[in-house]
C-alpha atoms as a PDB file:
ATOM      1  CA  MET A   1     155.529 149.750  14.483  1.00  0.00           C
ATOM      2  CA  VAL A   2     152.196 149.332  12.746  1.00  0.00           C
ATOM      3  CA  THR A   3     151.596 151.701   9.849  1.00  0.00           C
ATOM      4  CA  LYS A   4     148.619 152.305   7.563  1.00  0.00           C
ATOM      5  CA  ASN A   5     150.174 149.912   5.031  1.00  0.00           C
ATOM      6  CA  THR A   6     150.543 147.251   7.710  1.00  0.00           C
ATOM      7  CA  LEU A   7     146.869 147.599   8.632  1.00  0.00           C
ATOM      8  CA  ILE A   8     145.908 147.337   4.934  1.00  0.00           C
ATOM      9  CA  GLU A   9     147.911 144.126   4.624  1.00  0.00           C
ATOM     10  CA  ILE A  10     146.294 142.656   7.755  1.00  0.00           C
ATOM     11  CA  ILE A  11     142.763 143.507   6.512  1.00  0.00           C
ATOM     12  CA  ALA A  12     143.476 142.146   3.016  1.00  0.00           C
ATOM     13  CA  GLU A  13     144.884 138.906   4.373  1.00  0.00           C
ATOM     14  CA  LYS A  14     142.232 138.251   7.053  1.00  0.00           C
ATOM     15  CA  GLU A  15     139.286 139.073   4.756  1.00  0.00           C
ATOM     16  CA  ASP A  16     140.839 137.564   1.608  1.00  0.00           C
ATOM     17  CA  ILE A  17     140.432 140.771  -0.395  1.00  0.00           C
ATOM     18  CA  THR A  18     142.807 142.868  -2.470  1.00  0.00           C
ATOM     19  CA  LYS A  19     145.017 145.471  -0.848  1.00  0.00           C
ATOM     20  CA  THR A  20     143.265 148.119  -2.963  1.00  0.00           C
ATOM     21  CA  LYS A  21     139.887 147.196  -1.516  1.00  0.00           C
ATOM     22  CA  ALA A  22     141.302 146.969   2.024  1.00  0.00           C
ATOM     23  CA  SER A  23     142.834 150.434   1.543  1.00  0.00           C
ATOM     24  CA  ARG A  24     139.477 151.876   0.482  1.00  0.00           C
ATOM     25  CA  ILE A  25     137.756 150.295   3.485  1.00  0.00           C
ATOM     26  CA  LEU A  26     140.343 151.655   5.923  1.00  0.00           C
ATOM     27  CA  SER A  27     140.072 155.131   4.322  1.00  0.00           C
ATOM     28  CA  LEU A  28     136.274 155.069   4.529  1.00  0.00           C
ATOM     29  CA  ILE A  29     136.387 154.180   8.211  1.00  0.00           C
ATOM     30  CA  GLY A  30     138.993 156.860   8.994  1.00  0.00           C
ATOM     31  CA  ASN A  31     137.232 159.513   6.963  1.00  0.00           C
ATOM     32  CA  GLY A  32     133.863 158.653   8.521  1.00  0.00           C
ATOM     33  CA  ILE A  33     135.288 159.035  12.037  1.00  0.00           C
ATOM     34  CA  MET A  34     137.035 162.329  11.119  1.00  0.00           C
ATOM     35  CA  GLU A  35     133.914 163.794   9.522  1.00  0.00           C
ATOM     36  CA  ALA A  36     131.646 162.856  12.418  1.00  0.00           C
ATOM     37  CA  VAL A  37     134.009 164.201  15.080  1.00  0.00           C
ATOM     38  CA  SER A  38     134.578 167.383  13.038  1.00  0.00           C
ATOM     39  CA  ASN A  39     130.783 167.899  13.061  1.00  0.00           C
ATOM     40  CA  GLY A  40     130.734 167.650  16.844  1.00  0.00           C
ATOM     41  CA  GLU A  41     129.437 164.090  16.971  1.00  0.00           C
ATOM     42  CA  ARG A  42     130.668 161.369  19.251  1.00  0.00           C
ATOM     43  CA  VAL A  43     131.803 158.103  17.575  1.00  0.00           C
ATOM     44  CA  THR A  44     131.587 154.946  19.670  1.00  0.00           C
ATOM     45  CA  ILE A  45     132.876 151.601  18.388  1.00  0.00           C
ATOM     46  CA  ALA A  46     131.879 148.907  20.858  1.00  0.00           C
ATOM     47  CA  GLY A  47     134.877 147.136  22.333  1.00  0.00           C
ATOM     48  CA  PHE A  48     137.307 149.552  20.728  1.00  0.00           C
ATOM     49  CA  GLY A  49     136.607 153.030  22.093  1.00  0.00           C
ATOM     50  CA  THR A  50     135.044 156.474  21.709  1.00  0.00           C
ATOM     51  CA  PHE A  51     136.240 159.473  19.686  1.00  0.00           C
ATOM     52  CA  GLU A  52     134.983 162.983  20.403  1.00  0.00           C
ATOM     53  CA  SER A  53     136.055 166.595  19.987  1.00  0.00           C
ATOM     54  CA  LYS A  54     137.242 168.533  22.992  1.00  0.00           C
ATOM     55  CA  GLU A  55     137.325 172.312  23.434  1.00  0.00           C
ATOM     56  CA  ARG A  56     140.553 173.812  24.784  1.00  0.00           C
ATOM     57  CA  SER A  57     140.216 177.311  26.225  1.00  0.00           C
ATOM     58  CA  GLU A  58     142.746 180.016  25.526  1.00  0.00           C
ATOM     59  CA  ARG A  59     145.604 180.255  27.962  1.00  0.00           C
ATOM     60  CA  ASP A  60     149.021 181.714  28.525  1.00  0.00           C
ATOM     61  CA  GLY A  61     152.066 179.534  28.132  1.00  0.00           C
ATOM     62  CA  VAL A  62     155.832 179.639  27.974  1.00  0.00           C
ATOM     63  CA  ASN A  63     158.022 178.841  24.956  1.00  0.00           C
ATOM     64  CA  PRO A  64     160.238 176.036  26.322  1.00  0.00           C
ATOM     65  CA  PHE A  65     163.208 177.061  24.128  1.00  0.00           C
ATOM     66  CA  THR A  66     163.281 180.809  24.838  1.00  0.00           C
ATOM     67  CA  GLY A  67     161.337 181.141  28.078  1.00  0.00           C
ATOM     68  CA  GLU A  68     159.235 183.826  26.394  1.00  0.00           C
ATOM     69  CA  LYS A  69     155.607 184.097  27.490  1.00  0.00           C
ATOM     70  CA  ILE A  70     153.132 183.341  24.723  1.00  0.00           C
ATOM     71  CA  HIS A  71     149.391 183.402  24.257  1.00  0.00           C
ATOM     72  CA  ILE A  72     147.832 180.102  23.176  1.00  0.00           C
ATOM     73  CA  PRO A  73     144.469 180.630  21.453  1.00  0.00           C
ATOM     74  CA  ALA A  74     141.406 178.474  22.032  1.00  0.00           C
ATOM     75  CA  SER A  75     141.263 175.377  19.857  1.00  0.00           C
ATOM     76  CA  LYS A  76     139.593 172.022  19.406  1.00  0.00           C
ATOM     77  CA  GLY A  77     141.267 168.691  19.863  1.00  0.00           C
ATOM     78  CA  VAL A  78     140.308 165.047  19.594  1.00  0.00           C
ATOM     79  CA  LYS A  79     139.831 162.870  22.637  1.00  0.00           C
ATOM     80  CA  PHE A  80     139.945 159.068  22.465  1.00  0.00           C
ATOM     81  CA  LYS A  81     138.736 156.914  25.309  1.00  0.00           C
ATOM     82  CA  PRO A  82     139.558 153.217  24.866  1.00  0.00           C
ATOM     83  CA  GLY A  83     136.799 150.670  25.427  1.00  0.00           C
ATOM     84  CA  LYS A  84     136.856 147.930  28.008  1.00  0.00           C
ATOM     85  CA  ALA A  85     138.019 145.198  25.588  1.00  0.00           C
ATOM     86  CA  PHE A  86     140.792 147.495  24.321  1.00  0.00           C
ATOM     87  CA  LYS A  87     142.033 148.210  27.839  1.00  0.00           C
ATOM     88  CA  GLU A  88     141.918 144.525  28.758  1.00  0.00           C
ATOM     89  CA  SER A  89     143.895 143.521  25.673  1.00  0.00           C
ATOM     90  CA  VAL A  90     146.625 146.052  26.501  1.00  0.00           C
ATOM     91  CA  ASN A  91     146.830 144.902  30.099  1.00  0.00           C
ATOM     92  CA  LYS A  92     147.284 141.168  29.341  1.00  0.00           C
END
């Protein structure tokens, strides 16, 4: 499993920088994506993919443990669509 710390180590090693600097870079990228998507913007990283917010309408559902009917309010979610290079690397 790849964790945030693993990504920091990979960045630090490949770019020959400190783990502290790599951590700041990773945080800046993640925060930038979150802020843009939260503001309704679409974030596209060529070869990697696209992040965007998605509206979910309210609906009725069922609690899987009790079988009780519940109301699920409208909400926003995040949609990620992988880019062509990402898909190809997964399908090798």
